[in-house]
Amino acid sequence: MNIVVIGNSAAAINAVEKMRSKGSKDKITMISKEIKQPYSRVLLPYHLRGKLPKEEQLFMRDYDFHEKNKVEFINDEVLQIDENSKKVRLKNNEEISYDKLLITSGSSPFTPPIEGLNGEGVYHMWTYDDAEKLKPYFEKGKSVLVLGSGFVSLQAAWAAIVKELNVYVYELLPKIMPRVLDDLSAEKLSNQMRNLGVDLNLSVSTQRIEKLDNGKLRVHAKDMKPIDVDFIIVGTGVRPNTQFLKGTSVNHERGILVDDLMRTTVEDIYAAGDVANGPTTFGDNMIHALWPTAVEEGKIAGANILGFEEQYDGSLNMNVTQMFDLTVASMGNFMDDEKLEVWNYELSKLGMFKLVLDNNVPVGASLVGKSELVEFLGILRPIIRKKKEMKCTKDELFRYLRTKCDLI
C-alpha cells in the first residue's frame, strides 16, 4: 500500500510513528515545502529571544527521522489532488500515486488588505524561515510594530521587549487575545504589557504603510499620529492550507471536515492537525490549532489508515504560554455566560483564576499569573473531557482538586 502524507509537523510525525509502531511496512511518502527536519512552531519565539541555548532544541525529531522510519521525503509543494486517479500533483509537475492519503498541511498566516503591507521589512512569524529572516532585526534600539494580539503576535512582542526593542502593538478589536482571554484577564495582561514598555493600542484601524527613503516604514492608522518603525510583524490570524483541494469532493469549507476516525468526506483521504475541522469534547466540530490536538489526531489518523478503527474522543482547546513575566492560559468554554456559573478568584500571590461550570460540571477555566496555577488546569482537563461533576463549594475548589484526583 502506498501512503502519502502532506505535511511534516506534529500531526504528520505522530501519524508516521503510529503506523510504524503498529507494524506497518507500507511505503510512506511525505511531502512538505518546509525544511526537512521537523521543528516545534511554538518554540520559534523562544528561538528569537535566545531562550534556547542550542538551536537543536527547536527540533522535535532528529534529522534522520525519515530515514529511520523508512519515509521518502519530498521537499515540494502540493498543487492539486485528483481523487479519481488517486494522485497528488506537485509544483514541479511530478505526480505521486497513493492508496491512502493523509493531509496534515497545517495553516498559513494571512495578510490583511492594508496598502503597503508587503515587501522588505514586513514579516510573519510562523515558520522557521520566518524566524531566520527576523533574527537580524532583533537588535537593541530598533522599533517594531506588531499587528494583531493573538498568541503568535504577543509572543513576538515579548521577544522584542526581551531584546530591548521599541515595541508597538496595534489591535483592531477593543481587547487583546480575544479568543483566549476574557475581559478581566485581558485587562490584567494589557496593564502588564504597558508596564514593561509596550506601546499597546486597541481599537486601531491601520490604513496604510509608507516606505521612507531611509529604509523605515511609516505606519498610518485612523485617528492616530503616524509612527516610524524599522520593521513590522503581521500576526492577524491564520487560515487552513486547503487551496490544493479546489475541485475535489473533500468538504473543506471551514477546514477539512473529519469524523472521529479522521476520515474526510472522500474515501481513503484523511486529515489531522491545524487543517482538520475535527470532533471536540463538547460535541461540535472545530479547528483547534493546538499542538496536543495535532499529536492526538495524527496518532488516530495513523492507526485508522491501517484499518484499526480507533475513535477520537474529541479535542479540548487549551492554550498555555508565558509572556511578559506572566503565565496566560485558558481551556474549554471559559467566557462569561449568563447560563453558566462562574467562580472567580483573585489570589494575592498567584494571580487570577476562573472556573466556569454548567450544573456543577466544569466546562472551562482560565488564568493569568504565576505558572503554579497551570497545575490546576492540568487536573481539570480530564475532568472536563469526561464531564465529571464537581462536589465542592467555591471556597473548597483548590483543596478539592488536589485531593480528588481520583476523578481523573
Foldseek 3Di string as FASTA:
>chain_A
DEEEEEDDEQLQLLLLVLLVVVPDPHAYEYEEQADQFYFDLVCLLCVLLCVDVDPCVRGPDDSCSCVVSNYHYHNFAFQAADLVQQWTATPVRDIDHGPFYEYANAKDDDDPPAAAQDDPQHAARGGPVRSVVCNVVLAAAFEEEEEAAAPRSQSNQQSSLSSHYQYEYEYLAQFHNVVWDEPVQRVVVVVLCVVSHYNYDYNKAWHHWDQDPVQWIWTDIPPDDIDTGNHYYYDHDIAAPDNNCPPHPQPQPRAGEAEQLQDTPRPSYGYAAQRYQYFALVGGTHRQNDSVRSNQNSSSNSCPSVPPPDGHLHHKRKDWDDGSNKIWIKIFPFYDDPQWDKQWDQDPQFGIKIWIGHQQFTGMIITIGDPVVVVLVVLCVVSNSVRPGDDDDSVCPVVCSVVVSVSD
